[in-house]
Amino acid sequence: MTASSPTIDLQLAHRSVRRFLDEPVTDEQLETVIAAAQAASQSSNLQVWSVVAVRDEGRKRRLSRSIGGHRYVEEASVFLLWVADFRRAANIVETTGARLETIGYLENTLVAVVDSGIAAQNALLAAESLGLGGVFVGSIRNDPEAVIAELGLPEYTFPVFGLALGVPDPSEQAGLKPRLPQSAVLHHEVYDETAWQQPAAEYEGDIAAYYAGYGQDDYSWVAKLTARISTVAGLHGREHIRESLEKQGFASR
């Protein structure tokens, strides 16, 4: 790779941070991070996401317990909950006297979730540029109804993921986790269904060596991938998301 810039260097240095110092993310830093999120591309400029910033220690503990217990949620200076949010849009449309016919369609569910992800990646990159660190937390979808209740989320909103944010603890010693070789994910002109084979075999060795460096000698990416998608048990409760979405007004039909 020859092309480079300070932004690219920062992106390529990304690592998930799960241990934080007992130092605050300031209000100014938080506002800057969210401003960066709002600057991200949005479908049709609908702006159908929101963020709930949780600093309260008790609320962080309750959220952590509801998703299986995660130290990095409880110890983060601020836990950001990204919410697919058509409530604001619905309120605005209702003031015009128009009907609400499409929020329950799958396209709008996808728009709110995809735009949340685009915005959140902007937010994390901005946070890292300020010397902060974080980790995305998809396990809030293990029990979305508990999260909905804790945050008081109304109809037409749904929690899609969290972002634990804080000042990185330098003792964590987290490295740059290897990714699949680019030849496995970059296709030219048309999709090559066999492109993954050799790169995936190489990656299995690379990622095993990475985890061995942290004392985990039996790590297998193939085994982890298999456990995640081969049986319903790998979803850790997320197989019930459709029911929770429907209760929140996202029929996704």
Protein backbone atom coordinates (compact mmCIF):
# COMPACT_ATOMS: atom_id res chain seq x y z
CA MET A 1 0.00 0.00 0.00
CA THR A 2 1.58 3.28 -1.13
CA ALA A 3 -1.16 5.92 -0.78
CA SER A 4 -1.22 7.45 2.68
CA SER A 5 -2.46 10.40 4.71
CA PRO A 6 -2.80 11.21 8.41
CA THR A 7 -6.43 10.11 8.27
CA ILE A 8 -5.56 6.79 6.64
CA ASP A 9 -2.74 6.24 9.13
CA LEU A 10 -5.21 6.73 11.97
CA GLN A 11 -7.71 4.34 10.39
CA LEU A 12 -5.07 1.65 9.87
CA ALA A 13 -3.93 2.01 13.49
CA HIS A 14 -7.41 1.28 14.84
CA ARG A 15 -7.74 -1.20 17.69
CA SER A 16 -10.66 -1.92 19.94
CA VAL A 17 -10.13 -0.51 23.43
CA ARG A 18 -11.76 -2.35 26.32
CA ARG A 19 -9.82 -0.95 29.28
CA PHE A 20 -10.02 2.69 30.24
CA LEU A 21 -8.33 5.05 32.65
CA ASP A 22 -10.42 6.72 35.31
CA GLU A 23 -10.49 9.95 33.31
CA PRO A 24 -13.54 11.64 31.80
CA VAL A 25 -14.52 12.15 28.22
CA THR A 26 -15.27 15.86 28.44
CA ASP A 27 -18.51 17.43 27.26
CA GLU A 28 -16.51 19.28 24.62
CA GLN A 29 -15.00 16.03 23.35
CA LEU A 30 -18.40 14.33 23.30
CA GLU A 31 -19.99 17.21 21.39
CA THR A 32 -17.13 17.11 18.85
CA VAL A 33 -17.49 13.37 18.39
CA ILE A 34 -21.23 13.66 17.77
CA ALA A 35 -20.67 16.58 15.40
CA ALA A 36 -18.36 14.32 13.38
CA ALA A 37 -21.07 11.64 13.40
CA GLN A 38 -23.63 14.13 12.11
CA ALA A 39 -21.28 15.11 9.28
CA ALA A 40 -21.42 11.55 7.89
CA SER A 41 -23.38 10.73 4.76
CA GLN A 42 -27.08 10.11 5.38
CA SER A 43 -29.67 8.53 3.10
CA SER A 44 -31.79 11.31 1.54
CA ASN A 45 -30.72 13.49 4.49
CA LEU A 46 -33.44 11.84 6.58
CA GLN A 47 -31.20 11.84 9.70
CA VAL A 48 -32.99 8.93 11.29
CA TRP A 49 -30.66 8.04 14.14
CA SER A 50 -30.07 9.33 17.64
CA VAL A 51 -27.53 8.72 20.39
CA VAL A 52 -28.20 8.25 24.10
CA ALA A 53 -25.07 9.13 26.07
CA VAL A 54 -24.97 7.25 29.38
CA ARG A 55 -22.59 8.40 32.09
CA ASP A 56 -24.59 7.37 35.17
CA GLU A 57 -22.75 4.52 36.91
CA GLY A 58 -25.91 2.71 37.94
CA ARG A 59 -27.39 2.83 34.47
CA LYS A 60 -24.14 1.57 32.92
CA ARG A 61 -24.14 -1.35 35.37
CA ARG A 62 -27.77 -2.20 34.61
CA LEU A 63 -27.14 -2.05 30.87
CA SER A 64 -24.05 -4.22 31.30
CA ARG A 65 -25.96 -6.83 33.29
CA SER A 66 -28.76 -6.92 30.74
CA ILE A 67 -26.32 -7.88 27.97
CA GLY A 68 -24.30 -10.44 29.90
CA GLY A 69 -21.89 -8.30 31.91
CA HIS A 70 -19.12 -6.32 30.26
CA ARG A 71 -16.46 -4.51 32.24
CA TYR A 72 -15.78 -2.11 29.38
CA VAL A 73 -19.38 -0.90 29.43
CA GLU A 74 -19.27 -0.22 33.16
CA GLU A 75 -15.80 1.38 33.17
CA ALA A 76 -16.18 3.53 30.04
CA SER A 77 -16.41 7.24 30.74
CA VAL A 78 -19.47 7.35 28.51
CA PHE A 79 -21.47 4.58 26.90
CA LEU A 80 -23.09 5.73 23.67
CA LEU A 81 -26.22 3.88 22.55
CA TRP A 82 -26.91 4.28 18.85
CA VAL A 83 -30.63 4.28 18.13
CA ALA A 84 -32.42 3.78 14.83
CA ASP A 85 -34.83 6.67 15.22
CA PHE A 86 -37.92 7.34 13.14
CA ARG A 87 -39.73 8.84 16.15
CA ARG A 88 -38.46 12.34 15.42
CA ALA A 89 -39.28 12.02 11.72
CA ALA A 90 -42.74 10.66 12.50
CA ASN A 91 -43.46 13.57 14.85
CA ILE A 92 -42.42 16.05 12.17
CA VAL A 93 -44.51 14.37 9.47
CA GLU A 94 -47.53 14.21 11.77
CA THR A 95 -47.42 17.99 12.20
CA THR A 96 -48.06 18.29 8.45
CA GLY A 97 -51.17 16.15 8.62
CA ALA A 98 -49.66 13.52 6.33
CA ARG A 99 -50.03 9.79 6.94
CA LEU A 100 -47.27 7.48 8.18
CA GLU A 101 -47.31 4.55 5.77
CA THR A 102 -43.72 3.44 5.23
CA ILE A 103 -41.91 3.26 8.58
CA GLY A 104 -42.87 -0.41 8.84
CA TYR A 105 -41.17 -1.27 5.56
CA LEU A 106 -37.84 -3.11 5.56
CA GLU A 107 -36.18 -0.38 3.50
CA ASN A 108 -36.64 2.16 6.27
CA THR A 109 -35.38 -0.26 8.91
CA LEU A 110 -32.26 -0.75 6.79
CA VAL A 111 -31.83 2.99 6.21
CA ALA A 112 -31.88 3.78 9.93
CA VAL A 113 -29.48 0.93 10.80
CA VAL A 114 -27.05 1.55 7.93
CA ASP A 115 -26.95 5.30 8.55
CA SER A 116 -26.35 4.66 12.26
CA GLY A 117 -23.32 2.56 11.38
CA ILE A 118 -21.92 5.15 8.98
CA ALA A 119 -22.32 7.90 11.57
CA ALA A 120 -20.88 5.83 14.41
CA GLN A 121 -17.71 4.99 12.49
CA ASN A 122 -17.20 8.73 11.93
CA ALA A 123 -17.67 9.21 15.66
CA LEU A 124 -15.10 6.60 16.66
CA LEU A 125 -12.53 7.91 14.19
CA ALA A 126 -13.02 11.41 15.56
CA ALA A 127 -12.68 10.09 19.12
CA GLU A 128 -9.44 8.31 18.26
CA SER A 129 -8.07 11.51 16.70
CA LEU A 130 -8.64 13.17 20.10
CA GLY A 131 -6.68 10.47 21.91
CA LEU A 132 -9.74 8.54 23.06
CA GLY A 133 -10.53 4.91 22.36
CA GLY A 134 -13.55 2.70 22.26
CA VAL A 135 -15.21 -0.53 21.27
CA PHE A 136 -18.50 -1.16 19.50
CA VAL A 137 -20.93 -3.30 21.48
CA GLY A 138 -23.37 -5.33 19.40
CA SER A 139 -24.50 -7.38 22.37
CA ILE A 140 -27.08 -4.75 23.28
CA ARG A 141 -29.17 -6.64 20.73
CA ASN A 142 -29.03 -9.75 22.94
CA ASP A 143 -31.84 -8.26 25.03
CA PRO A 144 -33.09 -5.16 23.22
CA GLU A 145 -36.24 -4.93 25.31
CA ALA A 146 -34.21 -4.47 28.49
CA VAL A 147 -32.23 -1.72 26.77
CA ILE A 148 -35.44 -0.14 25.46
CA ALA A 149 -36.91 -0.09 28.96
CA GLU A 150 -33.72 1.29 30.56
CA LEU A 151 -33.45 4.13 28.04
CA GLY A 152 -37.18 4.84 27.77
CA LEU A 153 -37.17 4.40 24.01
CA PRO A 154 -40.54 5.20 22.40
CA GLU A 155 -42.26 3.70 19.37
CA TYR A 156 -40.31 3.97 16.11
CA THR A 157 -36.94 3.72 17.85
CA PHE A 158 -34.66 0.73 18.27
CA PRO A 159 -31.20 0.27 19.87
CA VAL A 160 -28.79 -1.08 17.26
CA PHE A 161 -25.38 -1.03 18.98
CA GLY A 162 -23.36 0.67 21.68
CA LEU A 163 -20.00 2.39 21.73
CA ALA A 164 -18.01 2.30 24.98
CA LEU A 165 -15.76 5.36 24.94
CA GLY A 166 -12.98 6.58 27.20
CA VAL A 167 -9.31 7.33 27.67
CA PRO A 168 -7.37 4.15 26.78
CA ASP A 169 -5.48 2.37 29.53
CA PRO A 170 -1.97 1.94 28.06
CA SER A 171 -1.47 -1.25 30.08
CA GLU A 172 -4.07 -3.07 27.98
CA GLN A 173 -1.48 -3.87 25.29
CA ALA A 174 -4.09 -4.61 22.63
CA GLY A 175 -2.51 -5.09 19.22
CA LEU A 176 -3.69 -4.56 15.67
CA LYS A 177 -5.84 -7.59 14.95
CA PRO A 178 -5.14 -9.09 11.52
CA ARG A 179 -7.85 -8.91 8.88
CA LEU A 180 -8.52 -11.14 5.91
CA PRO A 181 -6.14 -10.49 3.01
CA GLN A 182 -7.60 -7.91 0.65
CA SER A 183 -7.75 -10.50 -2.11
CA ALA A 184 -10.57 -12.19 -0.16
CA VAL A 185 -12.79 -9.11 -0.01
CA LEU A 186 -11.94 -7.03 -3.09
CA HIS A 187 -13.65 -8.26 -6.27
CA HIS A 188 -13.10 -6.68 -9.68
CA GLU A 189 -16.10 -6.14 -11.95
CA VAL A 190 -17.95 -9.28 -10.83
CA TYR A 191 -18.10 -11.38 -7.67
CA ASP A 192 -15.59 -14.24 -7.51
CA GLU A 193 -17.05 -16.96 -5.31
CA THR A 194 -13.71 -18.76 -4.99
CA ALA A 195 -11.60 -15.71 -4.11
CA TRP A 196 -11.79 -16.44 -0.38
CA GLN A 197 -10.19 -19.88 -0.41
CA GLN A 198 -6.44 -19.25 -0.29
CA PRO A 199 -6.65 -15.95 1.63
CA ALA A 200 -8.88 -17.55 4.28
CA ALA A 201 -6.40 -20.36 4.76
CA GLU A 202 -3.60 -17.83 5.22
CA TYR A 203 -5.70 -15.81 7.61
CA GLU A 204 -6.48 -18.80 9.82
CA GLY A 205 -2.76 -19.05 10.52
CA ASP A 206 -2.25 -15.30 10.93
CA ILE A 207 -5.08 -14.83 13.43
CA ALA A 208 -4.06 -17.96 15.37
CA ALA A 209 -0.56 -16.52 15.72
CA TYR A 210 -2.00 -13.19 16.90
CA TYR A 211 -4.02 -14.81 19.68
CA ALA A 212 -1.13 -17.11 20.61
CA GLY A 213 0.80 -13.95 21.40
CA TYR A 214 -1.81 -13.27 24.09
CA GLY A 215 -1.64 -16.77 25.53
CA GLN A 216 -4.58 -18.25 23.61
CA ASP A 217 -3.02 -21.17 21.77
CA ASP A 218 -6.17 -22.83 20.42
CA TYR A 219 -7.87 -19.91 18.66
CA SER A 220 -9.54 -20.67 15.33
CA TRP A 221 -11.33 -18.06 13.24
CA VAL A 222 -13.07 -20.81 11.29
CA ALA A 223 -14.39 -22.32 14.53
CA LYS A 224 -15.58 -18.92 15.75
CA LEU A 225 -17.29 -18.17 12.45
CA THR A 226 -18.92 -21.59 12.47
CA ALA A 227 -20.19 -21.18 16.03
CA ARG A 228 -21.67 -17.81 15.13
CA ILE A 229 -23.65 -18.77 12.04
CA SER A 230 -24.18 -22.53 12.08
CA THR A 231 -26.78 -22.76 14.85
CA VAL A 232 -29.36 -20.49 16.41
CA ALA A 233 -27.48 -20.71 19.72
CA GLY A 234 -24.77 -18.57 18.14
CA LEU A 235 -27.17 -15.63 17.99
CA HIS A 236 -27.25 -15.34 21.81
CA GLY A 237 -30.91 -14.31 21.93
CA ARG A 238 -30.84 -12.12 18.84
CA GLU A 239 -33.03 -14.61 16.99
CA HIS A 240 -35.95 -12.80 18.63
CA ILE A 241 -35.07 -9.36 17.24
CA ARG A 242 -37.96 -9.36 14.77
CA GLU A 243 -40.48 -9.52 17.61
CA SER A 244 -38.76 -6.64 19.41
CA LEU A 245 -38.60 -4.60 16.21
CA GLU A 246 -42.31 -5.12 15.61
CA LYS A 247 -43.16 -3.96 19.14
CA GLN A 248 -41.25 -0.74 18.40
CA GLY A 249 -43.12 -0.11 15.15
CA PHE A 250 -40.56 -1.62 12.77
CA ALA A 251 -42.53 -4.42 11.11
CA SER A 252 -39.80 -4.52 8.44
CA ARG A 253 -42.17 -6.02 5.90
